[in-house]
Amino acid sequence: MPQLDTSTWLTMILSMFLVLFIIFQLKISKHNFHYNPELTPTKTSKQNTPWEAKWTKIYLPLSLPL
């Protein structure tokens, strides 16, 4: 049985990556990106929750005296 010739595989794989890189660069270069996007002001409404008015303390088991 003849052996599989793998001497050209490295060249093919590297050339494939190069071609894919060039294709993606060309595709990306056709997009128009906004250089200075304007920030839209967002209004955050504060919701009053019942536990905000109360003072609570959580006791951890390790912080209790022995």
N, C-alpha and C. Protein backbone atom coordinates (compact mmCIF):
# COMPACT_ATOMS: atom_id res chain seq x y z
N MET A 1 0.84 -1.19 0.00
CA MET A 1 0.00 0.00 0.00
C MET A 1 0.88 1.25 0.00
N PRO A 2 0.52 2.21 -0.84
CA PRO A 2 1.35 3.42 -0.89
C PRO A 2 1.12 4.30 0.35
N GLN A 3 2.13 5.02 0.71
CA GLN A 3 2.04 5.93 1.85
C GLN A 3 1.35 7.21 1.45
N LEU A 4 0.68 7.82 2.43
CA LEU A 4 0.00 9.08 2.18
C LEU A 4 1.03 10.20 2.24
N ASP A 5 1.07 10.99 1.19
CA ASP A 5 2.05 12.08 1.11
C ASP A 5 1.51 13.29 1.87
N THR A 6 2.15 13.60 3.00
CA THR A 6 1.69 14.72 3.83
C THR A 6 2.64 15.91 3.75
N SER A 7 3.51 15.94 2.79
CA SER A 7 4.50 17.01 2.72
C SER A 7 3.87 18.35 2.35
N THR A 8 2.76 18.35 1.67
CA THR A 8 2.15 19.62 1.25
C THR A 8 1.06 20.09 2.21
N TRP A 9 0.78 19.34 3.26
CA TRP A 9 -0.30 19.71 4.16
C TRP A 9 -0.02 21.01 4.89
N LEU A 10 1.18 21.19 5.35
CA LEU A 10 1.52 22.41 6.07
C LEU A 10 1.33 23.64 5.18
N THR A 11 1.74 23.54 3.94
CA THR A 11 1.58 24.64 3.00
C THR A 11 0.11 24.92 2.74
N MET A 12 -0.68 23.89 2.60
CA MET A 12 -2.11 24.07 2.35
C MET A 12 -2.81 24.69 3.56
N ILE A 13 -2.48 24.23 4.75
CA ILE A 13 -3.12 24.75 5.95
C ILE A 13 -2.75 26.21 6.17
N LEU A 14 -1.47 26.53 6.01
CA LEU A 14 -1.05 27.92 6.18
C LEU A 14 -1.66 28.84 5.13
N SER A 15 -1.73 28.37 3.91
CA SER A 15 -2.34 29.20 2.87
C SER A 15 -3.84 29.35 3.10
N MET A 16 -4.48 28.33 3.65
CA MET A 16 -5.91 28.43 3.96
C MET A 16 -6.13 29.48 5.04
N PHE A 17 -5.30 29.47 6.09
CA PHE A 17 -5.43 30.49 7.13
C PHE A 17 -5.18 31.89 6.59
N LEU A 18 -4.23 32.02 5.73
CA LEU A 18 -3.95 33.32 5.14
C LEU A 18 -5.13 33.82 4.31
N VAL A 19 -5.70 32.95 3.52
CA VAL A 19 -6.85 33.33 2.68
C VAL A 19 -8.05 33.68 3.56
N LEU A 20 -8.29 32.89 4.62
CA LEU A 20 -9.40 33.20 5.51
C LEU A 20 -9.19 34.54 6.22
N PHE A 21 -7.97 34.81 6.62
CA PHE A 21 -7.67 36.08 7.26
C PHE A 21 -7.93 37.25 6.31
N ILE A 22 -7.51 37.11 5.08
CA ILE A 22 -7.72 38.17 4.09
C ILE A 22 -9.21 38.36 3.81
N ILE A 23 -9.94 37.26 3.71
CA ILE A 23 -11.38 37.36 3.44
C ILE A 23 -12.09 38.07 4.59
N PHE A 24 -11.76 37.70 5.82
CA PHE A 24 -12.41 38.34 6.96
C PHE A 24 -12.00 39.81 7.08
N GLN A 25 -10.78 40.13 6.76
CA GLN A 25 -10.37 41.53 6.80
C GLN A 25 -11.14 42.34 5.76
N LEU A 26 -11.35 41.77 4.61
CA LEU A 26 -12.12 42.49 3.58
C LEU A 26 -13.58 42.65 3.98
N LYS A 27 -14.13 41.63 4.61
CA LYS A 27 -15.52 41.72 5.06
C LYS A 27 -15.68 42.77 6.16
N ILE A 28 -14.74 42.78 7.10
CA ILE A 28 -14.83 43.72 8.21
C ILE A 28 -14.59 45.15 7.73
N SER A 29 -13.73 45.32 6.75
CA SER A 29 -13.41 46.67 6.29
C SER A 29 -14.58 47.33 5.58
N LYS A 30 -15.57 46.57 5.16
CA LYS A 30 -16.73 47.14 4.48
C LYS A 30 -17.78 47.68 5.44
N HIS A 31 -17.62 47.38 6.74
CA HIS A 31 -18.59 47.86 7.73
C HIS A 31 -18.28 49.31 8.09
N ASN A 32 -19.34 50.07 8.32
CA ASN A 32 -19.19 51.44 8.79
C ASN A 32 -19.41 51.48 10.28
N PHE A 33 -18.37 51.84 11.02
CA PHE A 33 -18.46 51.92 12.46
C PHE A 33 -18.59 53.37 12.87
N HIS A 34 -19.37 53.61 13.90
CA HIS A 34 -19.50 54.95 14.43
C HIS A 34 -18.28 55.24 15.31
N TYR A 35 -17.62 56.34 15.02
CA TYR A 35 -16.40 56.63 15.76
C TYR A 35 -16.71 57.24 17.13
N ASN A 36 -17.77 58.02 17.23
CA ASN A 36 -18.08 58.69 18.48
C ASN A 36 -19.54 58.46 18.84
N PRO A 37 -19.87 57.34 19.42
CA PRO A 37 -21.28 57.09 19.75
C PRO A 37 -21.74 58.00 20.88
N GLU A 38 -22.95 58.50 20.75
CA GLU A 38 -23.50 59.37 21.78
C GLU A 38 -24.17 58.54 22.85
N LEU A 39 -23.93 58.94 24.09
CA LEU A 39 -24.54 58.22 25.20
C LEU A 39 -25.97 58.70 25.39
N THR A 40 -26.87 57.76 25.51
CA THR A 40 -28.26 58.12 25.78
C THR A 40 -28.49 58.08 27.28
N PRO A 41 -29.02 59.15 27.84
CA PRO A 41 -29.22 59.16 29.29
C PRO A 41 -30.31 58.17 29.69
N THR A 42 -30.01 57.37 30.68
CA THR A 42 -30.97 56.39 31.17
C THR A 42 -31.46 56.83 32.54
N LYS A 43 -32.75 56.78 32.72
CA LYS A 43 -33.34 57.16 34.00
C LYS A 43 -33.52 55.90 34.85
N THR A 44 -32.89 55.91 36.00
CA THR A 44 -33.02 54.77 36.90
C THR A 44 -34.00 55.15 37.99
N SER A 45 -35.05 54.38 38.11
CA SER A 45 -36.05 54.65 39.13
C SER A 45 -35.72 53.83 40.37
N LYS A 46 -35.66 54.51 41.51
CA LYS A 46 -35.32 53.83 42.76
C LYS A 46 -36.60 53.25 43.35
N GLN A 47 -36.57 51.95 43.56
CA GLN A 47 -37.72 51.28 44.14
C GLN A 47 -37.47 51.07 45.63
N ASN A 48 -38.44 51.48 46.44
CA ASN A 48 -38.29 51.31 47.88
C ASN A 48 -38.71 49.90 48.26
N THR A 49 -37.80 49.19 48.86
CA THR A 49 -38.08 47.83 49.31
C THR A 49 -38.22 47.84 50.82
N PRO A 50 -38.96 46.92 51.39
CA PRO A 50 -39.20 46.96 52.84
C PRO A 50 -37.95 46.81 53.68
N TRP A 51 -36.94 46.11 53.16
CA TRP A 51 -35.76 45.87 53.99
C TRP A 51 -34.75 47.02 53.93
N GLU A 52 -34.98 48.02 53.09
CA GLU A 52 -34.05 49.14 53.05
C GLU A 52 -34.20 50.05 54.26
N ALA A 53 -35.40 50.16 54.83
CA ALA A 53 -35.62 51.05 55.95
C ALA A 53 -35.21 50.41 57.27
N LYS A 54 -35.02 49.10 57.29
CA LYS A 54 -34.70 48.41 58.53
C LYS A 54 -33.20 48.16 58.61
N TRP A 55 -32.69 48.16 59.84
CA TRP A 55 -31.29 47.82 60.06
C TRP A 55 -31.23 46.36 60.47
N THR A 56 -30.54 45.59 59.68
CA THR A 56 -30.44 44.17 60.00
C THR A 56 -28.97 43.79 60.12
N LYS A 57 -28.70 42.85 60.97
CA LYS A 57 -27.34 42.36 61.13
C LYS A 57 -27.36 40.85 61.01
N ILE A 58 -26.44 40.33 60.22
CA ILE A 58 -26.38 38.89 60.04
C ILE A 58 -25.25 38.38 60.93
N TYR A 59 -25.59 37.44 61.77
CA TYR A 59 -24.60 36.84 62.66
C TYR A 59 -24.08 35.55 62.02
N LEU A 60 -22.80 35.53 61.78
CA LEU A 60 -22.21 34.32 61.25
C LEU A 60 -21.86 33.39 62.39
N PRO A 61 -21.93 32.09 62.19
CA PRO A 61 -21.61 31.14 63.27
C PRO A 61 -20.18 31.29 63.76
N LEU A 62 -19.25 31.67 62.89
CA LEU A 62 -17.86 31.77 63.30
C LEU A 62 -17.60 33.06 64.09
N SER A 63 -18.47 34.05 63.98
CA SER A 63 -18.22 35.31 64.68
C SER A 63 -18.81 35.31 66.08
N LEU A 64 -19.55 34.29 66.45
CA LEU A 64 -20.12 34.23 67.80
C LEU A 64 -19.04 33.85 68.81
N PRO A 65 -19.14 34.36 70.03
CA PRO A 65 -18.14 33.96 71.03
C PRO A 65 -18.31 32.49 71.42
N LEU A 66 -17.23 31.88 71.81
CA LEU A 66 -17.26 30.45 72.18
C LEU A 66 -17.84 30.23 73.55
